[in-house]
PDB file of N, CA and C in Angstrom:
ATOM      1  N   MET A   1      13.623 -34.329  23.027  1.00  0.00           N
ATOM      2  CA  MET A   1      13.537 -34.203  21.593  1.00  0.00           C
ATOM      3  C   MET A   1      12.552 -33.123  21.171  1.00  0.00           C
ATOM      4  N   ASP A   2      11.467 -33.004  21.913  1.00  0.00           N
ATOM      5  CA  ASP A   2      10.492 -31.967  21.573  1.00  0.00           C
ATOM      6  C   ASP A   2      11.111 -30.584  21.676  1.00  0.00           C
ATOM      7  N   THR A   3      11.963 -30.399  22.660  1.00  0.00           N
ATOM      8  CA  THR A   3      12.601 -29.095  22.837  1.00  0.00           C
ATOM      9  C   THR A   3      13.486 -28.769  21.638  1.00  0.00           C
ATOM     10  N   ILE A   4      14.250 -29.729  21.193  1.00  0.00           N
ATOM     11  CA  ILE A   4      15.113 -29.512  20.027  1.00  0.00           C
ATOM     12  C   ILE A   4      14.266 -29.210  18.799  1.00  0.00           C
ATOM     13  N   PHE A   5      13.185 -29.945  18.629  1.00  0.00           N
ATOM     14  CA  PHE A   5      12.306 -29.716  17.488  1.00  0.00           C
ATOM     15  C   PHE A   5      11.696 -28.315  17.550  1.00  0.00           C
ATOM     16  N   ASN A   6      11.274 -27.885  18.736  1.00  0.00           N
ATOM     17  CA  ASN A   6      10.695 -26.547  18.893  1.00  0.00           C
ATOM     18  C   ASN A   6      11.712 -25.459  18.563  1.00  0.00           C
ATOM     19  N   VAL A   7      12.943 -25.657  19.017  1.00  0.00           N
ATOM     20  CA  VAL A   7      14.003 -24.684  18.722  1.00  0.00           C
ATOM     21  C   VAL A   7      14.268 -24.644  17.227  1.00  0.00           C
ATOM     22  N   MET A   8      14.295 -25.792  16.585  1.00  0.00           N
ATOM     23  CA  MET A   8      14.518 -25.844  15.138  1.00  0.00           C
ATOM     24  C   MET A   8      13.380 -25.177  14.385  1.00  0.00           C
ATOM     25  N   GLU A   9      12.152 -25.384  14.828  1.00  0.00           N
ATOM     26  CA  GLU A   9      11.002 -24.742  14.179  1.00  0.00           C
ATOM     27  C   GLU A   9      11.074 -23.230  14.303  1.00  0.00           C
ATOM     28  N   LYS A  10      11.408 -22.757  15.503  1.00  0.00           N
ATOM     29  CA  LYS A  10      11.514 -21.309  15.722  1.00  0.00           C
ATOM     30  C   LYS A  10      12.642 -20.721  14.890  1.00  0.00           C
ATOM     31  N   SER A  11      13.746 -21.446  14.809  1.00  0.00           N
ATOM     32  CA  SER A  11      14.882 -20.978  14.014  1.00  0.00           C
ATOM     33  C   SER A  11      14.516 -20.915  12.537  1.00  0.00           C
ATOM     34  N   ALA A  12      13.831 -21.923  12.042  1.00  0.00           N
ATOM     35  CA  ALA A  12      13.415 -21.931  10.643  1.00  0.00           C
ATOM     36  C   ALA A  12      12.447 -20.794  10.356  1.00  0.00           C
ATOM     37  N   SER A  13      11.533 -20.564  11.272  1.00  0.00           N
ATOM     38  CA  SER A  13      10.567 -19.476  11.102  1.00  0.00           C
ATOM     39  C   SER A  13      11.274 -18.122  11.082  1.00  0.00           C
ATOM     40  N   ALA A  14      12.222 -17.945  11.998  1.00  0.00           N
ATOM     41  CA  ALA A  14      12.973 -16.688  12.052  1.00  0.00           C
ATOM     42  C   ALA A  14      13.777 -16.490  10.771  1.00  0.00           C
ATOM     43  N   THR A  15      14.355 -17.566  10.260  1.00  0.00           N
ATOM     44  CA  THR A  15      15.127 -17.486   9.014  1.00  0.00           C
ATOM     45  C   THR A  15      14.230 -17.081   7.855  1.00  0.00           C
ATOM     46  N   GLN A  16      13.040 -17.624   7.799  1.00  0.00           N
ATOM     47  CA  GLN A  16      12.098 -17.254   6.743  1.00  0.00           C
ATOM     48  C   GLN A  16      11.700 -15.785   6.862  1.00  0.00           C
ATOM     49  N   ASN A  17      11.503 -15.314   8.086  1.00  0.00           N
ATOM     50  CA  ASN A  17      11.156 -13.906   8.290  1.00  0.00           C
ATOM     51  C   ASN A  17      12.280 -12.985   7.829  1.00  0.00           C
ATOM     52  N   VAL A  18      13.500 -13.354   8.166  1.00  0.00           N
ATOM     53  CA  VAL A  18      14.655 -12.553   7.747  1.00  0.00           C
ATOM     54  C   VAL A  18      14.775 -12.547   6.232  1.00  0.00           C
ATOM     55  N   SER A  19      14.577 -13.698   5.628  1.00  0.00           N
ATOM     56  CA  SER A  19      14.649 -13.802   4.169  1.00  0.00           C
ATOM     57  C   SER A  19      13.583 -12.932   3.504  1.00  0.00           C
ATOM     58  N   ALA A  20      12.381 -12.973   4.022  1.00  0.00           N
ATOM     59  CA  ALA A  20      11.291 -12.161   3.457  1.00  0.00           C
ATOM     60  C   ALA A  20      11.603 -10.682   3.604  1.00  0.00           C
ATOM     61  N   ALA A  21      12.143 -10.291   4.756  1.00  0.00           N
ATOM     62  CA  ALA A  21      12.488  -8.882   4.972  1.00  0.00           C
ATOM     63  C   ALA A  21      13.603  -8.452   4.022  1.00  0.00           C
ATOM     64  N   ALA A  22      14.570  -9.325   3.804  1.00  0.00           N
ATOM     65  CA  ALA A  22      15.670  -9.004   2.890  1.00  0.00           C
ATOM     66  C   ALA A  22      15.162  -8.840   1.465  1.00  0.00           C
ATOM     67  N   GLN A  23      14.248  -9.696   1.047  1.00  0.00           N
ATOM     68  CA  GLN A  23      13.676  -9.583  -0.293  1.00  0.00           C
ATOM     69  C   GLN A  23      12.899  -8.284  -0.443  1.00  0.00           C
ATOM     70  N   GLU A  24      12.169  -7.911   0.587  1.00  0.00           N
ATOM     71  CA  GLU A  24      11.410  -6.664   0.542  1.00  0.00           C
ATOM     72  C   GLU A  24      12.354  -5.468   0.464  1.00  0.00           C
ATOM     73  N   GLN A  25      13.436  -5.514   1.239  1.00  0.00           N
ATOM     74  CA  GLN A  25      14.410  -4.423   1.191  1.00  0.00           C
ATOM     75  C   GLN A  25      15.051  -4.323  -0.184  1.00  0.00           C
ATOM     76  N   LEU A  26      15.365  -5.460  -0.783  1.00  0.00           N
ATOM     77  CA  LEU A  26      15.955  -5.459  -2.123  1.00  0.00           C
ATOM     78  C   LEU A  26      15.005  -4.824  -3.128  1.00  0.00           C
ATOM     79  N   ALA A  27      13.734  -5.179  -3.046  1.00  0.00           N
ATOM     80  CA  ALA A  27      12.739  -4.605  -3.966  1.00  0.00           C
ATOM     81  C   ALA A  27      12.646  -3.098  -3.775  1.00  0.00           C
ATOM     82  N   LEU A  28      12.666  -2.646  -2.529  1.00  0.00           N
ATOM     83  CA  LEU A  28      12.598  -1.205  -2.269  1.00  0.00           C
ATOM     84  C   LEU A  28      13.854  -0.490  -2.757  1.00  0.00           C
ATOM     85  N   MET A  29      15.011  -1.119  -2.594  1.00  0.00           N
ATOM     86  CA  MET A  29      16.247  -0.515  -3.082  1.00  0.00           C
ATOM     87  C   MET A  29      16.242  -0.403  -4.603  1.00  0.00           C
ATOM     88  N   GLU A  30      15.706  -1.413  -5.277  1.00  0.00           N
ATOM     89  CA  GLU A  30      15.606  -1.351  -6.733  1.00  0.00           C
ATOM     90  C   GLU A  30      14.663  -0.236  -7.163  1.00  0.00           C
ATOM     91  N   GLU A  31      13.584  -0.066  -6.422  1.00  0.00           N
ATOM     92  CA  GLU A  31      12.641   1.012  -6.731  1.00  0.00           C
ATOM     93  C   GLU A  31      13.291   2.376  -6.524  1.00  0.00           C
ATOM     94  N   ILE A  32      14.065   2.514  -5.458  1.00  0.00           N
ATOM     95  CA  ILE A  32      14.773   3.774  -5.191  1.00  0.00           C
ATOM     96  C   ILE A  32      15.791   4.052  -6.293  1.00  0.00           C
ATOM     97  N   ALA A  33      16.496   3.020  -6.722  1.00  0.00           N
ATOM     98  CA  ALA A  33      17.488   3.190  -7.790  1.00  0.00           C
ATOM     99  C   ALA A  33      16.817   3.645  -9.081  1.00  0.00           C
ATOM    100  N   ALA A  34      15.678   3.063  -9.405  1.00  0.00           N
ATOM    101  CA  ALA A  34      14.953   3.448 -10.621  1.00  0.00           C
ATOM    102  C   ALA A  34      14.469   4.889 -10.506  1.00  0.00           C
ATOM    103  N   SER A  35      13.983   5.274  -9.351  1.00  0.00           N
ATOM    104  CA  SER A  35      13.527   6.649  -9.145  1.00  0.00           C
ATOM    105  C   SER A  35      14.690   7.625  -9.249  1.00  0.00           C
ATOM    106  N   SER A  36      15.837   7.246  -8.718  1.00  0.00           N
ATOM    107  CA  SER A  36      17.021   8.101  -8.797  1.00  0.00           C
ATOM    108  C   SER A  36      17.448   8.310 -10.238  1.00  0.00           C
ATOM    109  N   GLU A  37      17.424   7.244 -11.022  1.00  0.00           N
ATOM    110  CA  GLU A  37      17.767   7.364 -12.441  1.00  0.00           C
ATOM    111  C   GLU A  37      16.811   8.298 -13.161  1.00  0.00           C
ATOM    112  N   SER A  38      15.536   8.146 -12.867  1.00  0.00           N
ATOM    113  CA  SER A  38      14.527   8.990 -13.501  1.00  0.00           C
ATOM    114  C   SER A  38      14.733  10.454 -13.123  1.00  0.00           C
ATOM    115  N   LEU A  39      14.990  10.708 -11.853  1.00  0.00           N
ATOM    116  CA  LEU A  39      15.228  12.089 -11.410  1.00  0.00           C
ATOM    117  C   LEU A  39      16.485  12.665 -12.049  1.00  0.00           C
ATOM    118  N   SER A  40      17.494  11.842 -12.214  1.00  0.00           N
ATOM    119  CA  SER A  40      18.728  12.297 -12.846  1.00  0.00           C
ATOM    120  C   SER A  40      18.482  12.697 -14.297  1.00  0.00           C
ATOM    121  N   ARG A  41      17.713  11.882 -15.021  1.00  0.00           N
ATOM    122  CA  ARG A  41      17.382  12.224 -16.413  1.00  0.00           C
ATOM    123  C   ARG A  41      16.576  13.517 -16.469  1.00  0.00           C
ATOM    124  N   MET A  42      15.632  13.683 -15.545  1.00  0.00           N
ATOM    125  CA  MET A  42      14.828  14.910 -15.528  1.00  0.00           C
ATOM    126  C   MET A  42      15.700  16.130 -15.244  1.00  0.00           C
ATOM    127  N   ALA A  43      16.658  15.968 -14.342  1.00  0.00           N
ATOM    128  CA  ALA A  43      17.547  17.087 -14.015  1.00  0.00           C
ATOM    129  C   ALA A  43      18.363  17.494 -15.234  1.00  0.00           C
ATOM    130  N   ILE A  44      18.840  16.513 -15.986  1.00  0.00           N
ATOM    131  CA  ILE A  44      19.609  16.811 -17.206  1.00  0.00           C
ATOM    132  C   ILE A  44      18.730  17.531 -18.220  1.00  0.00           C
ATOM    133  N   GLU A  45      17.504  17.055 -18.395  1.00  0.00           N
ATOM    134  CA  GLU A  45      16.578  17.703 -19.327  1.00  0.00           C
ATOM    135  C   GLU A  45      16.288  19.140 -18.893  1.00  0.00           C
ATOM    136  N   LEU A  46      16.086  19.348 -17.609  1.00  0.00           N
ATOM    137  CA  LEU A  46      15.818  20.700 -17.119  1.00  0.00           C
ATOM    138  C   LEU A  46      17.019  21.615 -17.329  1.00  0.00           C
ATOM    139  N   GLN A  47      18.221  21.084 -17.141  1.00  0.00           N
ATOM    140  CA  GLN A  47      19.421  21.886 -17.381  1.00  0.00           C
ATOM    141  C   GLN A  47      19.516  22.278 -18.858  1.00  0.00           C
ATOM    142  N   GLU A  48      19.196  21.336 -19.735  1.00  0.00           N
ATOM    143  CA  GLU A  48      19.247  21.630 -21.168  1.00  0.00           C
ATOM    144  C   GLU A  48      18.216  22.687 -21.549  1.00  0.00           C
ATOM    145  N   ILE A  49      17.022  22.587 -21.000  1.00  0.00           N
ATOM    146  CA  ILE A  49      15.977  23.583 -21.273  1.00  0.00           C
ATOM    147  C   ILE A  49      16.388  24.939 -20.715  1.00  0.00           C
ATOM    148  N   ASN A  50      16.966  24.920 -19.516  1.00  0.00           N
ATOM    149  CA  ASN A  50      17.390  26.167 -18.878  1.00  0.00           C
ATOM    150  C   ASN A  50      18.486  26.851 -19.713  1.00  0.00           C
ATOM    151  N   GLU A  51      19.358  26.078 -20.279  1.00  0.00           N
ATOM    152  CA  GLU A  51      20.430  26.638 -21.119  1.00  0.00           C
ATOM    153  C   GLU A  51      19.859  27.363 -22.323  1.00  0.00           C
ATOM    154  N   LYS A  52      18.758  26.883 -22.878  1.00  0.00           N
ATOM    155  CA  LYS A  52      18.127  27.527 -24.021  1.00  0.00           C
ATOM    156  C   LYS A  52      17.624  28.925 -23.671  1.00  0.00           C
ATOM    157  N   PHE A  53      17.170  29.109 -22.456  1.00  0.00           N
ATOM    158  CA  PHE A  53      16.668  30.417 -22.028  1.00  0.00           C
ATOM    159  C   PHE A  53      17.813  31.378 -21.742  1.00  0.00           C
ATOM    160  N   LYS A  54      18.966  30.876 -21.396  1.00  0.00           N
ATOM    161  CA  LYS A  54      20.110  31.725 -21.094  1.00  0.00           C
ATOM    162  C   LYS A  54      20.706  32.336 -22.352  1.00  0.00           C
ATOM    163  N   THR A  55      20.557  31.655 -23.475  1.00  0.00           N
ATOM    164  CA  THR A  55      21.197  32.173 -24.702  1.00  0.00           C
ATOM    165  C   THR A  55      20.238  32.986 -25.522  1.00  0.00           C
TER     166      THR A  55
END
């Protein structure tokens, strides 16, 4: 019984580690998405400013 309990404890611990890593990855992906949006808006603004100099 101790062996089964030890295996279950290790499995639960590993599951928690995977869950924590997944949450961290999700947070980083959200941060990357926000940065991408910001860069996209800046690129549009720069294009608009650049167009003013061309005319």
